[in-house]
């Protein structure tokens, strides 16, 4: 997996990611199957579904396993990484702000 920081998702992306994670979290599945599931479940066009799946892949929520298969990260794994990143960033800012005031 490429080491990249996860970013907070927009509302529609998060709802679709949560659905995919609850349904396929941690297992290898075809990216095409994910696109068609997003289309069928959320009533989007194929183009929109494909773009959402691509966006989730670029953001790191869906990880490429091989040429044809991807793995959807579990909600627990992704949220834990987001929260620890956020907290450590906040702590770093606070230390810098307190040091500048003294």
PDB file of N, CA and C in Angstrom:
ATOM      1  N   UNK A   1       0.829  -1.175   0.000  1.00  0.00           N
ATOM      2  CA  UNK A   1       0.000   0.000   0.000  1.00  0.00           C
ATOM      3  C   UNK A   1       0.873   1.238   0.000  1.00  0.00           C
ATOM      4  N   UNK A   2       0.463   2.234  -0.710  1.00  0.00           N
ATOM      5  CA  UNK A   2       1.175   3.503  -0.753  1.00  0.00           C
ATOM      6  C   UNK A   2       0.904   4.238   0.547  1.00  0.00           C
ATOM      7  N   UNK A   3       1.955   4.754   1.176  1.00  0.00           N
ATOM      8  CA  UNK A   3       1.773   5.496   2.416  1.00  0.00           C
ATOM      9  C   UNK A   3       1.268   6.891   2.096  1.00  0.00           C
ATOM     10  N   UNK A   4       0.008   7.106   2.325  1.00  0.00           N
ATOM     11  CA  UNK A   4      -0.560   8.432   2.139  1.00  0.00           C
ATOM     12  C   UNK A   4      -1.558   8.679   3.255  1.00  0.00           C
ATOM     13  N   UNK A   5      -1.673   9.923   3.632  1.00  0.00           N
ATOM     14  CA  UNK A   5      -2.595  10.271   4.688  1.00  0.00           C
ATOM     15  C   UNK A   5      -4.017  10.231   4.147  1.00  0.00           C
ATOM     16  N   UNK A   6      -4.912   9.737   4.973  1.00  0.00           N
ATOM     17  CA  UNK A   6      -6.316   9.738   4.603  1.00  0.00           C
ATOM     18  C   UNK A   6      -6.859  11.143   4.793  1.00  0.00           C
ATOM     19  N   UNK A   7      -7.742  11.529   3.932  1.00  0.00           N
ATOM     20  CA  UNK A   7      -8.393  12.831   4.088  1.00  0.00           C
ATOM     21  C   UNK A   7      -9.843  12.579   4.488  1.00  0.00           C
ATOM     22  N   UNK A   8     -10.464  13.570   5.086  1.00  0.00           N
ATOM     23  CA  UNK A   8     -11.866  13.444   5.455  1.00  0.00           C
ATOM     24  C   UNK A   8     -12.695  13.443   4.184  1.00  0.00           C
ATOM     25  N   UNK A   9     -13.671  12.569   4.137  1.00  0.00           N
ATOM     26  CA  UNK A   9     -14.506  12.429   2.947  1.00  0.00           C
ATOM     27  C   UNK A   9     -15.676  13.399   2.990  1.00  0.00           C
ATOM     28  N   UNK A  10     -16.212  13.695   1.808  1.00  0.00           N
ATOM     29  CA  UNK A  10     -17.435  14.479   1.726  1.00  0.00           C
ATOM     30  C   UNK A  10     -18.609  13.563   2.071  1.00  0.00           C
ATOM     31  N   UNK A  11     -19.793  14.135   2.269  1.00  0.00           N
ATOM     32  CA  UNK A  11     -20.931  13.359   2.753  1.00  0.00           C
ATOM     33  C   UNK A  11     -21.274  12.178   1.847  1.00  0.00           C
ATOM     34  N   UNK A  12     -21.425  12.419   0.562  1.00  0.00           N
ATOM     35  CA  UNK A  12     -21.805  11.345  -0.350  1.00  0.00           C
ATOM     36  C   UNK A  12     -20.715  10.283  -0.426  1.00  0.00           C
ATOM     37  N   UNK A  13     -19.458  10.712  -0.476  1.00  0.00           N
ATOM     38  CA  UNK A  13     -18.353   9.758  -0.507  1.00  0.00           C
ATOM     39  C   UNK A  13     -18.347   8.907   0.753  1.00  0.00           C
ATOM     40  N   UNK A  14     -18.582   9.542   1.913  1.00  0.00           N
ATOM     41  CA  UNK A  14     -18.552   8.796   3.162  1.00  0.00           C
ATOM     42  C   UNK A  14     -19.675   7.773   3.235  1.00  0.00           C
ATOM     43  N   UNK A  15     -20.876   8.145   2.813  1.00  0.00           N
ATOM     44  CA  UNK A  15     -22.005   7.207   2.848  1.00  0.00           C
ATOM     45  C   UNK A  15     -21.719   6.017   1.940  1.00  0.00           C
ATOM     46  N   UNK A  16     -21.192   6.266   0.763  1.00  0.00           N
ATOM     47  CA  UNK A  16     -20.876   5.177  -0.162  1.00  0.00           C
ATOM     48  C   UNK A  16     -19.736   4.330   0.386  1.00  0.00           C
ATOM     49  N   UNK A  17     -18.699   4.975   0.936  1.00  0.00           N
ATOM     50  CA  UNK A  17     -17.596   4.215   1.520  1.00  0.00           C
ATOM     51  C   UNK A  17     -18.078   3.359   2.685  1.00  0.00           C
ATOM     52  N   UNK A  18     -18.919   3.914   3.554  1.00  0.00           N
ATOM     53  CA  UNK A  18     -19.417   3.159   4.708  1.00  0.00           C
ATOM     54  C   UNK A  18     -20.209   1.940   4.236  1.00  0.00           C
ATOM     55  N   UNK A  19     -21.027   2.104   3.216  1.00  0.00           N
ATOM     56  CA  UNK A  19     -21.784   0.970   2.670  1.00  0.00           C
ATOM     57  C   UNK A  19     -20.839  -0.103   2.130  1.00  0.00           C
ATOM     58  N   UNK A  20     -19.850   0.314   1.352  1.00  0.00           N
ATOM     59  CA  UNK A  20     -18.900  -0.647   0.779  1.00  0.00           C
ATOM     60  C   UNK A  20     -18.057  -1.311   1.865  1.00  0.00           C
ATOM     61  N   UNK A  21     -17.669  -0.552   2.888  1.00  0.00           N
ATOM     62  CA  UNK A  21     -16.845  -1.105   3.962  1.00  0.00           C
ATOM     63  C   UNK A  21     -17.625  -2.122   4.784  1.00  0.00           C
ATOM     64  N   UNK A  22     -18.886  -1.826   5.064  1.00  0.00           N
ATOM     65  CA  UNK A  22     -19.702  -2.765   5.832  1.00  0.00           C
ATOM     66  C   UNK A  22     -19.979  -4.033   5.031  1.00  0.00           C
ATOM     67  N   UNK A  23     -20.085  -3.875   3.744  1.00  0.00           N
ATOM     68  CA  UNK A  23     -20.412  -5.020   2.892  1.00  0.00           C
ATOM     69  C   UNK A  23     -19.181  -5.818   2.469  1.00  0.00           C
ATOM     70  N   UNK A  24     -18.082  -5.127   2.123  1.00  0.00           N
ATOM     71  CA  UNK A  24     -16.893  -5.789   1.570  1.00  0.00           C
ATOM     72  C   UNK A  24     -15.622  -5.510   2.364  1.00  0.00           C
ATOM     73  N   UNK A  25     -15.711  -4.912   3.522  1.00  0.00           N
ATOM     74  CA  UNK A  25     -14.533  -4.496   4.280  1.00  0.00           C
ATOM     75  C   UNK A  25     -13.527  -5.608   4.519  1.00  0.00           C
ATOM     76  N   UNK A  26     -12.304  -5.411   4.048  1.00  0.00           N
ATOM     77  CA  UNK A  26     -11.220  -6.349   4.283  1.00  0.00           C
ATOM     78  C   UNK A  26     -11.094  -7.476   3.275  1.00  0.00           C
ATOM     79  N   UNK A  27     -12.043  -7.642   2.385  1.00  0.00           N
ATOM     80  CA  UNK A  27     -11.968  -8.728   1.405  1.00  0.00           C
ATOM     81  C   UNK A  27     -11.640  -8.174   0.026  1.00  0.00           C
ATOM     82  N   UNK A  28     -11.003  -8.996  -0.788  1.00  0.00           N
ATOM     83  CA  UNK A  28     -10.664  -8.590  -2.150  1.00  0.00           C
ATOM     84  C   UNK A  28     -11.902  -8.732  -3.030  1.00  0.00           C
ATOM     85  N   UNK A  29     -12.149  -7.733  -3.829  1.00  0.00           N
ATOM     86  CA  UNK A  29     -13.309  -7.720  -4.713  1.00  0.00           C
ATOM     87  C   UNK A  29     -12.925  -6.970  -5.983  1.00  0.00           C
ATOM     88  N   UNK A  30     -13.602  -7.242  -7.050  1.00  0.00           N
ATOM     89  CA  UNK A  30     -13.331  -6.580  -8.321  1.00  0.00           C
ATOM     90  C   UNK A  30     -13.795  -5.119  -8.253  1.00  0.00           C
ATOM     91  N   UNK A  31     -13.001  -4.228  -8.814  1.00  0.00           N
ATOM     92  CA  UNK A  31     -13.365  -2.806  -8.837  1.00  0.00           C
ATOM     93  C   UNK A  31     -14.625  -2.598  -9.664  1.00  0.00           C
ATOM     94  N   UNK A  32     -14.790  -3.387 -10.708  1.00  0.00           N
ATOM     95  CA  UNK A  32     -15.993  -3.293 -11.545  1.00  0.00           C
ATOM     96  C   UNK A  32     -17.237  -3.639 -10.739  1.00  0.00           C
ATOM     97  N   UNK A  33     -17.126  -4.646  -9.875  1.00  0.00           N
ATOM     98  CA  UNK A  33     -18.261  -5.012  -9.028  1.00  0.00           C
ATOM     99  C   UNK A  33     -18.642  -3.870  -8.091  1.00  0.00           C
ATOM    100  N   UNK A  34     -17.645  -3.170  -7.584  1.00  0.00           N
ATOM    101  CA  UNK A  34     -17.922  -2.027  -6.708  1.00  0.00           C
ATOM    102  C   UNK A  34     -18.649  -0.923  -7.463  1.00  0.00           C
ATOM    103  N   UNK A  35     -18.203  -0.669  -8.692  1.00  0.00           N
ATOM    104  CA  UNK A  35     -18.846   0.371  -9.499  1.00  0.00           C
ATOM    105  C   UNK A  35     -20.310   0.026  -9.727  1.00  0.00           C
ATOM    106  N   UNK A  36     -20.588  -1.206 -10.113  1.00  0.00           N
ATOM    107  CA  UNK A  36     -21.969  -1.602 -10.375  1.00  0.00           C
ATOM    108  C   UNK A  36     -22.804  -1.637  -9.099  1.00  0.00           C
ATOM    109  N   UNK A  37     -22.191  -1.951  -7.971  1.00  0.00           N
ATOM    110  CA  UNK A  37     -22.927  -1.924  -6.708  1.00  0.00           C
ATOM    111  C   UNK A  37     -23.294  -0.493  -6.322  1.00  0.00           C
ATOM    112  N   UNK A  38     -22.361   0.440  -6.504  1.00  0.00           N
ATOM    113  CA  UNK A  38     -22.656   1.851  -6.221  1.00  0.00           C
ATOM    114  C   UNK A  38     -23.776   2.339  -7.138  1.00  0.00           C
ATOM    115  N   UNK A  39     -23.714   1.965  -8.397  1.00  0.00           N
ATOM    116  CA  UNK A  39     -24.746   2.369  -9.360  1.00  0.00           C
ATOM    117  C   UNK A  39     -26.111   1.841  -8.947  1.00  0.00           C
ATOM    118  N   UNK A  40     -26.156   0.562  -8.608  1.00  0.00           N
ATOM    119  CA  UNK A  40     -27.432  -0.077  -8.277  1.00  0.00           C
ATOM    120  C   UNK A  40     -27.977   0.417  -6.942  1.00  0.00           C
ATOM    121  N   UNK A  41     -27.141   0.523  -5.930  1.00  0.00           N
ATOM    122  CA  UNK A  41     -27.601   0.872  -4.587  1.00  0.00           C
ATOM    123  C   UNK A  41     -27.969   2.342  -4.458  1.00  0.00           C
ATOM    124  N   UNK A  42     -27.164   3.228  -5.046  1.00  0.00           N
ATOM    125  CA  UNK A  42     -27.368   4.661  -4.843  1.00  0.00           C
ATOM    126  C   UNK A  42     -27.988   5.369  -6.043  1.00  0.00           C
ATOM    127  N   UNK A  43     -28.276   4.625  -7.101  1.00  0.00           N
ATOM    128  CA  UNK A  43     -28.980   5.208  -8.244  1.00  0.00           C
ATOM    129  C   UNK A  43     -28.167   6.208  -9.038  1.00  0.00           C
ATOM    130  N   UNK A  44     -26.860   6.044  -9.062  1.00  0.00           N
ATOM    131  CA  UNK A  44     -26.017   6.959  -9.835  1.00  0.00           C
ATOM    132  C   UNK A  44     -25.817   6.407 -11.243  1.00  0.00           C
ATOM    133  N   UNK A  45     -25.245   7.214 -12.094  1.00  0.00           N
ATOM    134  CA  UNK A  45     -24.873   6.734 -13.420  1.00  0.00           C
ATOM    135  C   UNK A  45     -23.568   5.954 -13.298  1.00  0.00           C
ATOM    136  N   UNK A  46     -23.250   5.191 -14.336  1.00  0.00           N
ATOM    137  CA  UNK A  46     -21.997   4.431 -14.336  1.00  0.00           C
ATOM    138  C   UNK A  46     -20.811   5.385 -14.207  1.00  0.00           C
ATOM    139  N   UNK A  47     -20.864   6.492 -14.925  1.00  0.00           N
ATOM    140  CA  UNK A  47     -19.761   7.459 -14.908  1.00  0.00           C
ATOM    141  C   UNK A  47     -19.534   8.028 -13.502  1.00  0.00           C
ATOM    142  N   UNK A  48     -20.619   8.408 -12.835  1.00  0.00           N
ATOM    143  CA  UNK A  48     -20.508   8.947 -11.486  1.00  0.00           C
ATOM    144  C   UNK A  48     -19.991   7.890 -10.519  1.00  0.00           C
ATOM    145  N   UNK A  49     -20.511   6.677 -10.618  1.00  0.00           N
ATOM    146  CA  UNK A  49     -20.074   5.585  -9.740  1.00  0.00           C
ATOM    147  C   UNK A  49     -18.593   5.298  -9.939  1.00  0.00           C
ATOM    148  N   UNK A  50     -18.153   5.302 -11.190  1.00  0.00           N
ATOM    149  CA  UNK A  50     -16.742   5.056 -11.490  1.00  0.00           C
ATOM    150  C   UNK A  50     -15.865   6.154 -10.890  1.00  0.00           C
ATOM    151  N   UNK A  51     -16.301   7.401 -11.007  1.00  0.00           N
ATOM    152  CA  UNK A  51     -15.531   8.520 -10.459  1.00  0.00           C
ATOM    153  C   UNK A  51     -15.461   8.465  -8.931  1.00  0.00           C
ATOM    154  N   UNK A  52     -16.537   8.055  -8.279  1.00  0.00           N
ATOM    155  CA  UNK A  52     -16.533   7.956  -6.824  1.00  0.00           C
ATOM    156  C   UNK A  52     -15.574   6.858  -6.377  1.00  0.00           C
ATOM    157  N   UNK A  53     -15.606   5.701  -7.052  1.00  0.00           N
ATOM    158  CA  UNK A  53     -14.696   4.608  -6.701  1.00  0.00           C
ATOM    159  C   UNK A  53     -13.245   5.040  -6.937  1.00  0.00           C
ATOM    160  N   UNK A  54     -12.980   5.741  -8.026  1.00  0.00           N
ATOM    161  CA  UNK A  54     -11.625   6.255  -8.284  1.00  0.00           C
ATOM    162  C   UNK A  54     -11.190   7.227  -7.193  1.00  0.00           C
ATOM    163  N   UNK A  55     -12.105   8.111  -6.789  1.00  0.00           N
ATOM    164  CA  UNK A  55     -11.790   9.081  -5.750  1.00  0.00           C
ATOM    165  C   UNK A  55     -11.464   8.385  -4.429  1.00  0.00           C
ATOM    166  N   UNK A  56     -12.213   7.335  -4.096  1.00  0.00           N
ATOM    167  CA  UNK A  56     -11.947   6.579  -2.874  1.00  0.00           C
ATOM    168  C   UNK A  56     -10.618   5.842  -2.960  1.00  0.00           C
ATOM    169  N   UNK A  57     -10.242   5.405  -4.159  1.00  0.00           N
ATOM    170  CA  UNK A  57      -8.945   4.748  -4.343  1.00  0.00           C
ATOM    171  C   UNK A  57      -7.809   5.748  -4.169  1.00  0.00           C
ATOM    172  N   UNK A  58      -7.944   6.933  -4.769  1.00  0.00           N
ATOM    173  CA  UNK A  58      -6.905   7.954  -4.632  1.00  0.00           C
ATOM    174  C   UNK A  58      -6.767   8.425  -3.192  1.00  0.00           C
ATOM    175  N   UNK A  59      -7.878   8.467  -2.465  1.00  0.00           N
ATOM    176  CA  UNK A  59      -7.845   8.928  -1.077  1.00  0.00           C
ATOM    177  C   UNK A  59      -7.307   7.860  -0.132  1.00  0.00           C
ATOM    178  N   UNK A  60      -7.216   6.613  -0.582  1.00  0.00           N
ATOM    179  CA  UNK A  60      -6.645   5.559   0.242  1.00  0.00           C
ATOM    180  C   UNK A  60      -7.650   4.686   0.967  1.00  0.00           C
ATOM    181  N   UNK A  61      -8.939   4.894   0.741  1.00  0.00           N
ATOM    182  CA  UNK A  61      -9.965   4.092   1.404  1.00  0.00           C
ATOM    183  C   UNK A  61     -10.183   2.760   0.702  1.00  0.00           C
ATOM    184  N   UNK A  62      -9.888   2.705  -0.566  1.00  0.00           N
ATOM    185  CA  UNK A  62      -9.913   1.461  -1.337  1.00  0.00           C
ATOM    186  C   UNK A  62      -8.487   1.236  -1.821  1.00  0.00           C
ATOM    187  N   UNK A  63      -7.945   0.046  -1.545  1.00  0.00           N
ATOM    188  CA  UNK A  63      -6.549  -0.257  -1.835  1.00  0.00           C
ATOM    189  C   UNK A  63      -6.476  -1.298  -2.941  1.00  0.00           C
ATOM    190  N   UNK A  64      -5.607  -1.056  -3.915  1.00  0.00           N
ATOM    191  CA  UNK A  64      -5.433  -1.999  -5.018  1.00  0.00           C
ATOM    192  C   UNK A  64      -4.653  -3.224  -4.538  1.00  0.00           C
ATOM    193  N   UNK A  65      -5.195  -4.425  -4.791  1.00  0.00           N
ATOM    194  CA  UNK A  65      -4.542  -5.667  -4.394  1.00  0.00           C
ATOM    195  C   UNK A  65      -3.709  -6.207  -5.547  1.00  0.00           C
ATOM    196  N   UNK A  66      -4.307  -6.299  -6.724  1.00  0.00           N
ATOM    197  CA  UNK A  66      -3.595  -6.692  -7.936  1.00  0.00           C
ATOM    198  C   UNK A  66      -4.243  -5.968  -9.114  1.00  0.00           C
ATOM    199  N   UNK A  67      -3.978  -6.438 -10.322  1.00  0.00           N
ATOM    200  CA  UNK A  67      -4.456  -5.730 -11.515  1.00  0.00           C
ATOM    201  C   UNK A  67      -5.982  -5.609 -11.564  1.00  0.00           C
ATOM    202  N   UNK A  68      -6.693  -6.634 -11.092  1.00  0.00           N
ATOM    203  CA  UNK A  68      -8.158  -6.632 -11.218  1.00  0.00           C
ATOM    204  C   UNK A  68      -8.902  -6.442  -9.901  1.00  0.00           C
ATOM    205  N   UNK A  69      -8.256  -6.690  -8.783  1.00  0.00           N
ATOM    206  CA  UNK A  69      -8.954  -6.676  -7.499  1.00  0.00           C
ATOM    207  C   UNK A  69      -8.503  -5.539  -6.607  1.00  0.00           C
ATOM    208  N   UNK A  70      -9.437  -5.103  -5.775  1.00  0.00           N
ATOM    209  CA  UNK A  70      -9.170  -4.069  -4.780  1.00  0.00           C
ATOM    210  C   UNK A  70      -9.690  -4.564  -3.436  1.00  0.00           C
ATOM    211  N   UNK A  71      -9.259  -3.898  -2.367  1.00  0.00           N
ATOM    212  CA  UNK A  71      -9.731  -4.230  -1.029  1.00  0.00           C
ATOM    213  C   UNK A  71     -10.242  -2.951  -0.394  1.00  0.00           C
ATOM    214  N   UNK A  72     -11.467  -2.997   0.121  1.00  0.00           N
ATOM    215  CA  UNK A  72     -12.048  -1.857   0.817  1.00  0.00           C
ATOM    216  C   UNK A  72     -11.581  -1.920   2.269  1.00  0.00           C
ATOM    217  N   UNK A  73     -10.946  -0.854   2.744  1.00  0.00           N
ATOM    218  CA  UNK A  73     -10.480  -0.821   4.134  1.00  0.00           C
ATOM    219  C   UNK A  73     -11.678  -0.822   5.068  1.00  0.00           C
ATOM    220  N   UNK A  74     -11.519  -1.445   6.233  1.00  0.00           N
ATOM    221  CA  UNK A  74     -12.613  -1.469   7.195  1.00  0.00           C
ATOM    222  C   UNK A  74     -12.819  -0.080   7.787  1.00  0.00           C
ATOM    223  N   UNK A  75     -14.044   0.181   8.239  1.00  0.00           N
ATOM    224  CA  UNK A  75     -14.354   1.474   8.846  1.00  0.00           C
ATOM    225  C   UNK A  75     -13.498   1.718  10.084  1.00  0.00           C
ATOM    226  N   UNK A  76     -13.340   0.704  10.894  1.00  0.00           N
ATOM    227  CA  UNK A  76     -12.565   0.831  12.127  1.00  0.00           C
ATOM    228  C   UNK A  76     -11.123   1.235  11.833  1.00  0.00           C
ATOM    229  N   UNK A  77     -10.527   0.584  10.855  1.00  0.00           N
ATOM    230  CA  UNK A  77      -9.141   0.865  10.473  1.00  0.00           C
ATOM    231  C   UNK A  77      -8.992   2.304   9.972  1.00  0.00           C
ATOM    232  N   UNK A  78      -9.870   2.714   9.088  1.00  0.00           N
ATOM    233  CA  UNK A  78      -9.784   4.059   8.507  1.00  0.00           C
ATOM    234  C   UNK A  78     -10.046   5.148   9.537  1.00  0.00           C
ATOM    235  N   UNK A  79     -11.086   4.975  10.348  1.00  0.00           N
ATOM    236  CA  UNK A  79     -11.405   6.001  11.336  1.00  0.00           C
ATOM    237  C   UNK A  79     -10.330   6.105  12.414  1.00  0.00           C
ATOM    238  N   UNK A  80      -9.743   4.971  12.802  1.00  0.00           N
ATOM    239  CA  UNK A  80      -8.653   5.003  13.773  1.00  0.00           C
ATOM    240  C   UNK A  80      -7.473   5.803  13.236  1.00  0.00           C
ATOM    241  N   UNK A  81      -7.122   5.568  11.974  1.00  0.00           N
ATOM    242  CA  UNK A  81      -6.009   6.307  11.368  1.00  0.00           C
ATOM    243  C   UNK A  81      -6.318   7.796  11.257  1.00  0.00           C
ATOM    244  N   UNK A  82      -7.567   8.143  10.878  1.00  0.00           N
ATOM    245  CA  UNK A  82      -7.946   9.551  10.777  1.00  0.00           C
ATOM    246  C   UNK A  82      -7.877  10.254  12.128  1.00  0.00           C
ATOM    247  N   UNK A  83      -8.395   9.613  13.154  1.00  0.00           N
ATOM    248  CA  UNK A  83      -8.427  10.241  14.479  1.00  0.00           C
ATOM    249  C   UNK A  83      -7.021  10.401  15.051  1.00  0.00           C
ATOM    250  N   UNK A  84      -6.184   9.371  14.932  1.00  0.00           N
ATOM    251  CA  UNK A  84      -4.825   9.501  15.466  1.00  0.00           C
ATOM    252  C   UNK A  84      -4.039  10.574  14.729  1.00  0.00           C
ATOM    253  N   UNK A  85      -4.235  10.676  13.429  1.00  0.00           N
ATOM    254  CA  UNK A  85      -3.574  11.718  12.655  1.00  0.00           C
ATOM    255  C   UNK A  85      -4.041  13.106  13.101  1.00  0.00           C
ATOM    256  N   UNK A  86      -5.347  13.252  13.286  1.00  0.00           N
ATOM    257  CA  UNK A  86      -5.919  14.532  13.692  1.00  0.00           C
ATOM    258  C   UNK A  86      -5.419  14.939  15.077  1.00  0.00           C
ATOM    259  N   UNK A  87      -5.437  13.993  16.021  1.00  0.00           N
ATOM    260  CA  UNK A  87      -5.032  14.303  17.395  1.00  0.00           C
ATOM    261  C   UNK A  87      -3.552  14.665  17.448  1.00  0.00           C
ATOM    262  N   UNK A  88      -2.718  13.905  16.735  1.00  0.00           N
ATOM    263  CA  UNK A  88      -1.286  14.220  16.767  1.00  0.00           C
ATOM    264  C   UNK A  88      -1.008  15.581  16.121  1.00  0.00           C
ATOM    265  N   UNK A  89      -1.746  15.911  15.085  1.00  0.00           N
ATOM    266  CA  UNK A  89      -1.588  17.210  14.438  1.00  0.00           C
ATOM    267  C   UNK A  89      -2.010  18.333  15.387  1.00  0.00           C
ATOM    268  N   UNK A  90      -3.121  18.136  16.103  1.00  0.00           N
ATOM    269  CA  UNK A  90      -3.592  19.143  17.058  1.00  0.00           C
ATOM    270  C   UNK A  90      -2.596  19.316  18.203  1.00  0.00           C
ATOM    271  N   UNK A  91      -2.050  18.210  18.688  1.00  0.00           N
ATOM    272  CA  UNK A  91      -1.071  18.301  19.768  1.00  0.00           C
ATOM    273  C   UNK A  91       0.173  19.051  19.315  1.00  0.00           C
ATOM    274  N   UNK A  92       0.603  18.803  18.101  1.00  0.00           N
ATOM    275  CA  UNK A  92       1.763  19.499  17.559  1.00  0.00           C
ATOM    276  C   UNK A  92       1.525  20.985  17.457  1.00  0.00           C
ATOM    277  N   UNK A  93       0.346  21.384  17.026  1.00  0.00           N
ATOM    278  CA  UNK A  93       0.017  22.803  16.927  1.00  0.00           C
ATOM    279  C   UNK A  93      -0.007  23.448  18.307  1.00  0.00           C
ATOM    280  N   UNK A  94      -0.604  22.739  19.250  1.00  0.00           N
ATOM    281  CA  UNK A  94      -0.725  23.304  20.593  1.00  0.00           C
ATOM    282  C   UNK A  94       0.647  23.519  21.216  1.00  0.00           C
ATOM    283  N   UNK A  95       1.574  22.582  21.046  1.00  0.00           N
ATOM    284  CA  UNK A  95       2.918  22.729  21.597  1.00  0.00           C
ATOM    285  C   UNK A  95       3.616  23.924  20.978  1.00  0.00           C
ATOM    286  N   UNK A  96       3.471  24.105  19.685  1.00  0.00           N
ATOM    287  CA  UNK A  96       4.093  25.238  19.009  1.00  0.00           C
ATOM    288  C   UNK A  96       3.489  26.532  19.507  1.00  0.00           C
ATOM    289  N   UNK A  97       2.166  26.583  19.664  1.00  0.00           N
ATOM    290  CA  UNK A  97       1.512  27.812  20.120  1.00  0.00           C
ATOM    291  C   UNK A  97       1.937  28.152  21.550  1.00  0.00           C
ATOM    292  N   UNK A  98       2.030  27.173  22.432  1.00  0.00           N
ATOM    293  CA  UNK A  98       2.434  27.445  23.806  1.00  0.00           C
ATOM    294  C   UNK A  98       3.893  27.897  23.875  1.00  0.00           C
ATOM    295  N   UNK A  99       4.746  27.340  23.045  1.00  0.00           N
ATOM    296  CA  UNK A  99       6.165  27.721  23.051  1.00  0.00           C
ATOM    297  C   UNK A  99       6.333  29.167  22.568  1.00  0.00           C
ATOM    298  N   UNK A 100       5.520  29.598  21.619  1.00  0.00           N
ATOM    299  CA  UNK A 100       5.631  30.961  21.110  1.00  0.00           C
ATOM    300  C   UNK A 100       5.140  31.996  22.108  1.00  0.00           C
ATOM    301  N   UNK A 101       4.225  31.619  22.971  1.00  0.00           N
ATOM    302  CA  UNK A 101       3.664  32.567  23.931  1.00  0.00           C
ATOM    303  C   UNK A 101       4.610  32.828  25.104  1.00  0.00           C
ATOM    304  N   UNK A 102       5.452  31.903  25.441  1.00  0.00           N
ATOM    305  CA  UNK A 102       6.310  32.060  26.625  1.00  0.00           C
ATOM    306  C   UNK A 102       7.457  32.987  26.381  1.00  0.00           C
TER     307      UNK A 102
END
